[in-house]
C-alpha atoms as a PDB file:
ATOM      1  CA  UNK A   1      32.690 -60.977 -28.642  1.00  0.00           C
ATOM      2  CA  UNK A   2      29.610 -62.246 -26.638  1.00  0.00           C
ATOM      3  CA  UNK A   3      27.233 -60.358 -24.665  1.00  0.00           C
ATOM      4  CA  UNK A   4      26.839 -60.495 -21.352  1.00  0.00           C
ATOM      5  CA  UNK A   5      23.700 -61.496 -20.099  1.00  0.00           C
ATOM      6  CA  UNK A   6      20.942 -58.556 -18.397  1.00  0.00           C
ATOM      7  CA  UNK A   7      21.543 -59.626 -14.394  1.00  0.00           C
ATOM      8  CA  UNK A   8      25.874 -59.343 -14.687  1.00  0.00           C
ATOM      9  CA  UNK A   9      25.543 -55.993 -16.499  1.00  0.00           C
ATOM     10  CA  UNK A  10      22.874 -54.807 -13.970  1.00  0.00           C
ATOM     11  CA  UNK A  11      26.149 -55.544 -11.092  1.00  0.00           C
ATOM     12  CA  UNK A  12      28.682 -53.893 -13.242  1.00  0.00           C
ATOM     13  CA  UNK A  13      27.100 -51.476 -12.976  1.00  0.00           C
ATOM     14  CA  UNK A  14      25.971 -51.137  -9.570  1.00  0.00           C
ATOM     15  CA  UNK A  15      29.646 -51.989  -8.954  1.00  0.00           C
ATOM     16  CA  UNK A  16      30.933 -49.104 -10.424  1.00  0.00           C
ATOM     17  CA  UNK A  17      32.983 -46.528  -8.736  1.00  0.00           C
ATOM     18  CA  UNK A  18      31.912 -42.795  -8.410  1.00  0.00           C
ATOM     19  CA  UNK A  19      33.940 -40.445 -10.966  1.00  0.00           C
ATOM     20  CA  UNK A  20      32.032 -37.743  -8.609  1.00  0.00           C
ATOM     21  CA  UNK A  21      34.648 -35.615  -6.418  1.00  0.00           C
ATOM     22  CA  UNK A  22      34.020 -36.103  -2.531  1.00  0.00           C
ATOM     23  CA  UNK A  23      33.886 -32.480  -1.768  1.00  0.00           C
ATOM     24  CA  UNK A  24      30.827 -31.704  -4.544  1.00  0.00           C
ATOM     25  CA  UNK A  25      27.480 -31.712  -2.518  1.00  0.00           C
ATOM     26  CA  UNK A  26      25.652 -33.260  -5.558  1.00  0.00           C
ATOM     27  CA  UNK A  27      23.826 -29.672  -6.961  1.00  0.00           C
ATOM     28  CA  UNK A  28      23.610 -28.504  -3.270  1.00  0.00           C
ATOM     29  CA  UNK A  29      25.043 -25.487  -3.481  1.00  0.00           C
ATOM     30  CA  UNK A  30      24.702 -22.873  -0.849  1.00  0.00           C
ATOM     31  CA  UNK A  31      20.986 -21.200  -2.093  1.00  0.00           C
ATOM     32  CA  UNK A  32      19.954 -24.773  -2.973  1.00  0.00           C
ATOM     33  CA  UNK A  33      16.479 -25.730  -1.279  1.00  0.00           C
ATOM     34  CA  UNK A  34      15.321 -21.866  -0.937  1.00  0.00           C
ATOM     35  CA  UNK A  35      12.496 -20.345  -3.038  1.00  0.00           C
ATOM     36  CA  UNK A  36      12.386 -16.686  -4.876  1.00  0.00           C
ATOM     37  CA  UNK A  37       9.816 -14.072  -4.711  1.00  0.00           C
ATOM     38  CA  UNK A  38       9.082 -14.818  -8.453  1.00  0.00           C
ATOM     39  CA  UNK A  39       8.129 -18.332  -7.197  1.00  0.00           C
ATOM     40  CA  UNK A  40       6.028 -16.856  -4.536  1.00  0.00           C
ATOM     41  CA  UNK A  41       3.823 -15.560  -6.802  1.00  0.00           C
ATOM     42  CA  UNK A  42       3.411 -17.749  -8.995  1.00  0.00           C
ATOM     43  CA  UNK A  43       1.747 -20.373  -6.588  1.00  0.00           C
ATOM     44  CA  UNK A  44       0.106 -17.476  -5.141  1.00  0.00           C
ATOM     45  CA  UNK A  45      -1.176 -17.017  -9.314  1.00  0.00           C
ATOM     46  CA  UNK A  46      -1.524 -20.754  -8.988  1.00  0.00           C
ATOM     47  CA  UNK A  47      -4.116 -20.444  -5.966  1.00  0.00           C
ATOM     48  CA  UNK A  48      -6.024 -17.806  -7.432  1.00  0.00           C
ATOM     49  CA  UNK A  49      -6.990 -19.337 -10.471  1.00  0.00           C
ATOM     50  CA  UNK A  50      -8.184 -22.634  -9.141  1.00  0.00           C
ATOM     51  CA  UNK A  51     -10.366 -20.524  -6.645  1.00  0.00           C
ATOM     52  CA  UNK A  52     -12.468 -19.357  -9.308  1.00  0.00           C
ATOM     53  CA  UNK A  53     -12.091 -22.375 -11.438  1.00  0.00           C
ATOM     54  CA  UNK A  54     -13.398 -24.220  -8.819  1.00  0.00           C
ATOM     55  CA  UNK A  55     -16.621 -21.064  -8.215  1.00  0.00           C
ATOM     56  CA  UNK A  56     -17.576 -21.861 -11.915  1.00  0.00           C
ATOM     57  CA  UNK A  57     -17.949 -25.419 -11.815  1.00  0.00           C
ATOM     58  CA  UNK A  58     -19.552 -24.795  -8.684  1.00  0.00           C
ATOM     59  CA  UNK A  59     -21.869 -22.136 -10.814  1.00  0.00           C
ATOM     60  CA  UNK A  60     -22.218 -24.427 -13.851  1.00  0.00           C
ATOM     61  CA  UNK A  61     -23.022 -27.607 -11.476  1.00  0.00           C
ATOM     62  CA  UNK A  62     -25.600 -25.470  -9.358  1.00  0.00           C
ATOM     63  CA  UNK A  63     -27.714 -25.383 -12.944  1.00  0.00           C
ATOM     64  CA  UNK A  64     -27.636 -29.456 -13.749  1.00  0.00           C
ATOM     65  CA  UNK A  65     -31.222 -30.994 -13.049  1.00  0.00           C
ATOM     66  CA  UNK A  66     -30.880 -33.101 -10.007  1.00  0.00           C
ATOM     67  CA  UNK A  67     -31.601 -36.671 -11.416  1.00  0.00           C
ATOM     68  CA  UNK A  68     -31.605 -36.777 -15.551  1.00  0.00           C
ATOM     69  CA  UNK A  69     -33.873 -40.085 -15.149  1.00  0.00           C
ATOM     70  CA  UNK A  70     -36.716 -39.144 -17.662  1.00  0.00           C
ATOM     71  CA  UNK A  71     -39.946 -38.100 -15.799  1.00  0.00           C
ATOM     72  CA  UNK A  72     -42.188 -40.579 -14.752  1.00  0.00           C
ATOM     73  CA  UNK A  73     -46.052 -39.503 -15.592  1.00  0.00           C
ATOM     74  CA  UNK A  74     -45.562 -39.035 -19.290  1.00  0.00           C
ATOM     75  CA  UNK A  75     -44.897 -42.920 -19.135  1.00  0.00           C
ATOM     76  CA  UNK A  76     -47.458 -43.254 -17.936  1.00  0.00           C
ATOM     77  CA  UNK A  77     -50.060 -41.316 -19.783  1.00  0.00           C
ATOM     78  CA  UNK A  78     -48.543 -43.036 -22.680  1.00  0.00           C
ATOM     79  CA  UNK A  79     -49.279 -46.254 -21.537  1.00  0.00           C
ATOM     80  CA  UNK A  80     -52.832 -45.690 -20.363  1.00  0.00           C
ATOM     81  CA  UNK A  81     -53.758 -44.271 -24.058  1.00  0.00           C
ATOM     82  CA  UNK A  82     -52.958 -47.307 -26.252  1.00  0.00           C
ATOM     83  CA  UNK A  83     -52.150 -47.721 -29.295  1.00  0.00           C
ATOM     84  CA  UNK A  84     -55.384 -47.089 -32.140  1.00  0.00           C
ATOM     85  CA  UNK A  85     -57.302 -44.754 -29.534  1.00  0.00           C
ATOM     86  CA  UNK A  86     -58.537 -41.321 -31.541  1.00  0.00           C
ATOM     87  CA  UNK A  87     -56.184 -38.401 -30.578  1.00  0.00           C
ATOM     88  CA  UNK A  88     -53.119 -40.385 -31.803  1.00  0.00           C
ATOM     89  CA  UNK A  89     -52.468 -39.272 -35.718  1.00  0.00           C
ATOM     90  CA  UNK A  90     -51.126 -35.950 -36.443  1.00  0.00           C
ATOM     91  CA  UNK A  91     -53.077 -32.777 -36.801  1.00  0.00           C
ATOM     92  CA  UNK A  92     -51.237 -31.680 -39.628  1.00  0.00           C
ATOM     93  CA  UNK A  93     -52.303 -34.791 -41.615  1.00  0.00           C
ATOM     94  CA  UNK A  94     -55.874 -35.874 -42.286  1.00  0.00           C
ATOM     95  CA  UNK A  95     -57.423 -38.836 -41.252  1.00  0.00           C
ATOM     96  CA  UNK A  96     -58.349 -41.399 -44.180  1.00  0.00           C
ATOM     97  CA  UNK A  97     -62.237 -42.491 -43.408  1.00  0.00           C
ATOM     98  CA  UNK A  98     -62.246 -43.340 -46.694  1.00  0.00           C
END
């Protein structure tokens, strides 16, 4: 048996007759599209949960600084001081004054 090329297989599938009954509305019975009170309650609970999540997120976002860039003053102070000047050594190590 030779394998059938893909384009011919697709054409054969597309032309197959329907095997469903003509009177079948395709799963749309008498109560199709109607929601239950349980579905409404789940939807309302979902919206309440989203409301509290957004409220909590806004509360946490207000605590963040406006910018995470380092402040400009400490960088300028260390640049003016320069290396090797008095006061660079840590206080816990005695200076070697040989």
